[in-house]
Protein backbone atom coordinates (compact mmCIF):
# COMPACT_ATOMS: atom_id res chain seq x y z
CA MET A 1 -6.28 -12.85 -16.17
CA SER A 2 -8.01 -10.63 -14.10
CA ALA A 3 -11.33 -9.02 -16.10
CA ALA A 4 -11.31 -5.98 -18.38
CA ARG A 5 -14.79 -5.05 -18.20
CA CYS A 6 -14.89 -1.19 -19.03
CA LEU A 7 -17.37 1.47 -19.22
CA PHE A 8 -17.69 4.52 -22.04
CA VAL A 9 -20.02 7.36 -21.76
CA SER A 10 -19.46 10.43 -24.23
CA ASP A 11 -21.75 13.62 -24.75
CA LEU A 12 -21.98 14.10 -20.93
CA HIS A 13 -22.44 18.10 -21.32
CA GLY A 14 -21.95 19.44 -18.63
CA ARG A 15 -25.07 17.96 -16.38
CA GLU A 16 -24.31 17.26 -13.19
CA ASP A 17 -27.29 14.77 -13.48
CA ARG A 18 -25.38 12.30 -15.98
CA TYR A 19 -22.07 12.80 -13.92
CA ALA A 20 -23.69 11.24 -10.65
CA LYS A 21 -24.73 8.39 -12.50
CA LEU A 22 -21.48 7.67 -14.18
CA TYR A 23 -20.02 7.39 -10.59
CA GLU A 24 -23.01 5.18 -9.49
CA GLN A 25 -22.36 3.17 -12.38
CA VAL A 26 -18.37 3.13 -11.43
CA ARG A 27 -19.07 1.89 -8.07
CA ALA A 28 -21.60 -0.60 -8.96
CA ARG A 29 -19.73 -2.12 -11.64
CA ARG A 30 -16.27 -1.94 -10.50
CA PRO A 31 -14.77 -1.31 -14.43
CA ALA A 32 -11.33 -1.73 -15.10
CA ALA A 33 -11.28 1.04 -17.38
CA VAL A 34 -13.59 4.08 -17.88
CA PHE A 35 -13.19 6.23 -21.22
CA LEU A 36 -14.82 9.42 -21.44
CA GLY A 37 -14.86 10.06 -25.04
CA GLY A 38 -15.90 14.48 -25.36
CA ASP A 39 -18.37 17.10 -24.87
CA LEU A 40 -17.61 16.48 -21.11
CA LEU A 41 -18.42 20.48 -20.52
CA PRO A 42 -21.72 22.75 -19.98
CA HIS A 43 -22.73 24.19 -23.53
CA ALA A 44 -22.64 27.33 -21.68
CA LEU A 45 -18.90 27.33 -20.63
CA SER A 46 -18.29 27.78 -24.45
CA ARG A 47 -20.53 30.94 -24.69
CA ARG A 48 -19.12 32.48 -21.38
CA ARG A 49 -15.93 31.93 -22.55
CA ALA A 50 -16.19 33.74 -25.58
CA ARG A 51 -17.69 36.75 -23.88
CA GLY A 52 -14.50 36.58 -21.13
CA GLY A 53 -16.84 35.72 -18.09
CA ALA A 54 -15.99 33.97 -14.97
CA GLU A 55 -17.21 30.64 -15.22
CA GLN A 56 -17.85 27.44 -12.21
CA ASP A 57 -14.58 25.48 -12.34
CA PHE A 58 -16.30 22.50 -13.55
CA VAL A 59 -13.20 20.37 -14.15
CA ARG A 60 -12.02 20.73 -10.76
CA GLU A 61 -15.12 20.68 -8.77
CA VAL A 62 -17.28 18.14 -10.75
CA ILE A 63 -15.42 15.91 -12.53
CA ALA A 64 -11.72 15.54 -11.15
CA GLY A 65 -13.86 16.14 -7.46
CA GLY A 66 -16.06 13.72 -8.35
CA PHE A 67 -13.54 11.14 -9.57
CA ALA A 68 -11.08 11.71 -6.52
CA GLY A 69 -13.99 10.62 -4.48
CA LEU A 70 -14.50 7.37 -6.40
CA ARG A 71 -10.49 7.13 -5.65
CA ALA A 72 -10.96 7.68 -1.97
CA GLU A 73 -14.01 5.25 -2.09
CA LEU A 74 -12.77 2.49 -4.19
CA GLY A 75 -8.70 1.83 -3.43
CA ASP A 76 -6.91 -0.46 -5.24
CA ALA A 77 -10.04 -0.89 -7.03
CA TYR A 78 -10.54 2.24 -8.86
CA PRO A 79 -10.63 2.15 -12.48
CA ARG A 80 -8.17 3.31 -14.54
CA VAL A 81 -9.76 6.45 -16.66
CA PHE A 82 -9.24 7.52 -19.96
CA ALA A 83 -10.40 10.62 -21.37
CA ILE A 84 -10.58 13.29 -24.61
CA LEU A 85 -12.38 16.42 -24.92
CA GLY A 86 -15.02 17.26 -27.52
CA ASN A 87 -15.85 20.09 -29.83
CA ASP A 88 -17.78 21.74 -27.98
CA ASP A 89 -15.35 21.73 -24.92
CA PRO A 90 -13.05 25.02 -25.03
CA ARG A 91 -9.48 23.81 -25.48
CA ALA A 92 -8.67 26.37 -22.42
CA GLU A 93 -10.32 23.66 -20.05
CA GLU A 94 -7.53 21.10 -21.29
CA GLU A 95 -5.00 22.68 -18.49
CA GLY A 96 -7.29 21.57 -15.77
CA PHE A 97 -7.71 17.74 -17.20
CA GLU A 98 -3.54 17.66 -17.85
CA ARG A 99 -3.18 18.72 -14.39
CA ALA A 100 -5.83 15.82 -12.93
CA GLY A 101 -4.05 13.73 -14.94
CA ALA A 102 -0.75 14.78 -13.33
CA ASP A 103 -2.66 13.59 -10.04
CA GLY A 104 -3.06 10.52 -11.20
CA LEU A 105 -7.00 10.94 -11.70
CA TRP A 106 -6.90 9.30 -15.73
CA ASP A 107 -5.03 9.81 -18.26
CA TYR A 108 -5.39 12.36 -20.54
CA ALA A 109 -5.45 10.56 -24.12
CA HIS A 110 -5.17 13.30 -27.25
CA GLY A 111 -2.57 13.07 -29.29
CA ARG A 112 -1.44 9.91 -27.07
CA ARG A 113 -0.42 6.45 -27.23
CA ILE A 114 -1.02 4.70 -23.72
CA ALA A 115 -0.50 1.14 -22.63
CA TRP A 116 -2.94 0.10 -20.42
CA ARG A 117 -2.96 -4.29 -20.22
CA GLU A 118 -2.30 -5.94 -22.99
CA PHE A 119 -4.07 -2.89 -25.14
CA GLN A 120 -2.71 0.45 -26.58
CA VAL A 121 -4.86 3.46 -26.15
CA TYR A 122 -5.30 6.14 -28.47
CA GLY A 123 -6.53 9.13 -28.21
CA TYR A 124 -7.72 12.01 -30.30
CA ALA A 125 -10.57 15.08 -29.55
CA CYS A 126 -10.91 16.76 -33.43
CA VAL A 127 -13.70 16.44 -35.86
CA PRO A 128 -14.59 17.75 -39.39
CA PRO A 129 -15.34 21.51 -39.62
CA THR A 130 -18.77 21.73 -38.69
CA PRO A 131 -21.69 25.19 -38.09
CA PHE A 132 -20.44 25.43 -34.50
CA GLN A 133 -18.64 28.67 -34.45
CA LEU A 134 -15.49 27.52 -31.41
CA LYS A 135 -13.32 26.04 -33.08
CA ASP A 136 -10.51 24.41 -30.86
CA TRP A 137 -11.32 20.70 -31.89
CA GLU A 138 -12.13 21.06 -35.67
CA ARG A 139 -9.59 20.30 -38.60
CA TYR A 140 -9.92 19.43 -42.20
CA ASP A 141 -11.37 16.27 -42.33
CA VAL A 142 -8.86 14.52 -45.65
CA SER A 143 -8.80 17.87 -47.65
CA ARG A 144 -9.70 21.74 -47.29
CA SER A 145 -12.86 21.31 -48.00
CA ILE A 146 -16.09 22.02 -46.19
CA ASP A 147 -19.68 20.47 -46.34
CA PRO A 148 -22.50 23.44 -47.23
CA GLY A 149 -23.09 25.56 -44.46
CA CYS A 150 -20.17 24.64 -42.04
CA VAL A 151 -17.39 27.23 -40.90
CA PRO A 152 -13.79 26.45 -41.88
CA PRO A 153 -11.24 25.78 -39.17
CA GLU A 154 -9.81 28.98 -39.09
CA GLU A 155 -13.06 31.12 -38.54
CA GLY A 156 -15.14 31.07 -36.04
CA TRP A 157 -13.47 31.61 -32.85
CA ARG A 158 -10.71 30.08 -30.44
CA SER A 159 -10.22 29.91 -26.93
CA VAL A 160 -6.57 29.36 -27.17
CA ALA A 161 -4.39 30.58 -29.93
CA ALA A 162 -3.46 28.17 -33.03
CA ASP A 163 -1.14 27.99 -35.69
CA GLU A 164 -2.53 29.81 -38.51
CA ARG A 165 -0.92 27.20 -40.74
CA GLU A 166 -1.93 24.14 -39.18
CA LEU A 167 -5.46 25.65 -38.59
CA ARG A 168 -5.49 25.95 -42.48
CA HIS A 169 -3.12 22.72 -44.01
CA GLY A 170 -3.95 20.02 -40.57
CA THR A 171 -5.71 17.37 -41.43
CA ILE A 172 -7.51 14.85 -39.54
CA ASP A 173 -6.28 11.85 -42.03
CA HIS A 174 -2.74 13.42 -41.36
CA ASP A 175 -2.96 13.56 -37.61
CA LEU A 176 -4.17 9.86 -37.24
CA ARG A 177 -1.40 8.79 -39.72
CA ALA A 178 1.20 10.18 -37.34
CA LEU A 179 -0.17 9.05 -34.22
CA THR A 180 -0.10 5.55 -35.21
CA ALA A 181 2.82 5.31 -37.54
CA GLY A 182 4.71 2.31 -37.00
CA GLN A 183 2.10 0.82 -34.41
CA ASP A 184 0.35 -2.76 -35.06
CA LEU A 185 -3.01 -2.09 -34.02
CA LEU A 186 -4.08 -5.32 -33.48
CA GLY A 187 -4.67 -4.81 -29.33
CA ALA A 188 -5.35 -0.91 -30.40
CA ILE A 189 -8.22 1.15 -28.95
CA LEU A 190 -8.96 4.34 -30.25
CA LEU A 191 -10.71 7.17 -28.44
CA LEU A 192 -12.13 9.24 -30.94
CA HIS A 193 -14.68 12.03 -30.89
CA SER A 194 -16.19 11.84 -34.02
CA PRO A 195 -17.74 8.68 -35.39
CA PRO A 196 -16.40 7.30 -38.88
CA TYR A 197 -18.21 8.57 -42.17
CA ARG A 198 -21.33 6.91 -43.36
CA THR A 199 -22.25 4.35 -41.12
CA THR A 200 -25.16 4.10 -38.57
CA LEU A 201 -22.83 6.08 -36.10
CA ASP A 202 -22.73 9.63 -37.92
CA ARG A 203 -26.44 10.03 -38.90
CA ALA A 204 -27.48 13.46 -38.17
CA ALA A 205 -31.35 14.55 -38.61
CA LEU A 206 -30.80 16.94 -42.10
CA ASP A 207 -33.50 14.91 -43.71
CA GLY A 208 -34.91 17.40 -46.49
CA LYS A 209 -32.37 20.19 -45.25
CA GLN A 210 -30.78 22.62 -47.75
CA VAL A 211 -28.10 25.71 -48.06
CA ASP A 212 -27.86 27.45 -50.37
CA HIS A 213 -30.47 25.36 -52.19
CA VAL A 214 -27.91 22.00 -51.77
CA PRO A 215 -28.97 19.16 -49.90
CA LEU A 216 -27.12 18.51 -47.04
CA ASP A 217 -25.50 15.11 -46.43
CA VAL A 218 -27.05 13.13 -43.51
CA HIS A 219 -23.36 11.51 -42.60
CA VAL A 220 -21.52 13.89 -40.72
CA GLY A 221 -18.66 11.86 -39.20
CA SER A 222 -15.25 11.61 -40.41
CA ILE A 223 -14.07 10.23 -44.07
CA ALA A 224 -10.28 10.14 -42.73
CA VAL A 225 -11.59 8.23 -39.48
CA ARG A 226 -13.67 5.65 -41.80
CA ARG A 227 -10.96 4.99 -44.08
CA PHE A 228 -8.15 4.96 -40.90
CA ILE A 229 -10.49 1.83 -39.35
CA GLU A 230 -10.93 0.06 -42.70
CA GLU A 231 -6.98 0.33 -43.23
CA ARG A 232 -5.55 -0.22 -40.08
CA GLY A 233 -7.68 -2.23 -38.49
CA PRO A 234 -7.82 -1.50 -34.72
CA LEU A 235 -9.25 -3.35 -32.52
CA LEU A 236 -12.14 -1.50 -31.24
CA THR A 237 -13.34 2.46 -31.64
CA LEU A 238 -15.36 4.55 -29.44
CA HIS A 239 -17.32 7.20 -30.96
CA GLY A 240 -20.00 10.02 -29.51
CA HIS A 241 -20.53 13.90 -31.47
CA VAL A 242 -23.73 12.97 -33.41
CA HIS A 243 -26.27 12.26 -30.50
CA GLU A 244 -29.52 11.43 -32.74
CA SER A 245 -28.01 8.81 -34.21
CA ALA A 246 -28.62 5.72 -32.52
CA ARG A 247 -32.32 6.88 -32.09
CA ILE A 248 -32.53 7.22 -36.18
CA THR A 249 -31.00 4.35 -37.44
CA GLY A 250 -31.48 2.06 -33.77
CA GLN A 251 -27.57 1.02 -33.74
CA TRP A 252 -25.15 2.15 -31.24
CA ARG A 253 -22.31 -0.25 -32.94
CA GLU A 254 -21.06 -1.26 -36.21
CA ARG A 255 -18.63 -3.32 -37.78
CA ILE A 256 -16.09 -2.31 -39.95
CA GLY A 257 -13.33 -5.27 -40.98
CA ARG A 258 -12.64 -6.63 -37.82
CA THR A 259 -12.98 -3.24 -35.99
CA TRP A 260 -16.17 -2.59 -33.44
CA ALA A 261 -17.32 0.67 -33.52
CA PHE A 262 -19.32 1.66 -30.34
CA SER A 263 -21.52 4.99 -30.00
CA ALA A 264 -22.21 6.07 -26.48
CA ALA A 265 -23.91 9.52 -27.79
CA HIS A 266 -27.56 9.97 -26.64
CA ASP A 267 -30.19 12.98 -27.67
CA GLY A 268 -32.28 11.97 -24.71
CA PRO A 269 -32.32 13.09 -20.75
CA GLU A 270 -30.44 9.69 -19.72
CA LEU A 271 -26.72 8.66 -19.19
CA ALA A 272 -26.11 6.08 -22.29
CA VAL A 273 -23.05 3.26 -20.74
CA VAL A 274 -21.89 1.37 -23.22
CA GLU A 275 -19.93 -1.31 -21.39
CA PHE A 276 -17.68 -3.85 -22.58
CA ASP A 277 -14.74 -6.15 -22.49
CA PRO A 278 -11.56 -5.35 -25.50
CA ARG A 279 -11.17 -8.85 -25.06
CA ALA A 280 -14.39 -10.07 -26.29
CA PRO A 281 -15.99 -6.83 -27.73
CA GLU A 282 -18.98 -8.44 -29.97
CA SER A 283 -20.53 -8.71 -25.92
CA ALA A 284 -20.88 -5.09 -25.56
CA ARG A 285 -24.25 -3.79 -24.50
CA ARG A 286 -25.62 -0.35 -24.09
CA THR A 287 -27.70 0.83 -21.68
CA LEU A 288 -29.84 4.05 -20.26
CA HIS A 289 -29.50 5.54 -16.73
């Protein structure tokens, strides 16, 4: 059976130097698959979208262009690529990811179940409500409640129209259950932008901070994701979103029951790369480039 070496990155935030490092790692490591865990586009893209301004077609020119170059260079050694967006990425850019997916550059995985070798890959981009204004990828978590200082999903702004009832009543909990209903997850790899709640992967730098005299929870991950992992026990989950968690906790992976959970989020200038084999996830390693 051929090797199943995989590379996982997240939260590149449109840094072209990080993409250049990623492409170099793909050339050097020749992985079987690459997982892109969201927050892939420049921060400024969201602000320009909000103002209706013009912007570089970053998806086509930098991301799709880079992977197209790799495909031409590597030929049959070109990896399977799975991608989701994240809460800092305008959903208006989803169309570009769908186009590149149709061209065979990657599998756009949000809300989908995709077969790869003996595994099943599930993608889901949404995160619980944040203090930020872009709401394309935010959902209530397990109920219609939000943490102090956060903005409800039906407020803020969106780059594409959304169903008002879904905004008010949809939850991450419901979405994950619907996405995986009736499926055996023993061989499942979940590509999720949000980390699970109260783990070493969702630890934010909120120590001592308050909103209206209410202390903020330093754990900002998803309760629904945590419960889902505990109840369903997928093989492996991949996360980003909370950049500083690995620096604060000293950990980028955690075992929850039988499930290994990895984070590729990083708050330094480097590109963090998690290299793993889903057949032996305990041997995963994370390097900075």
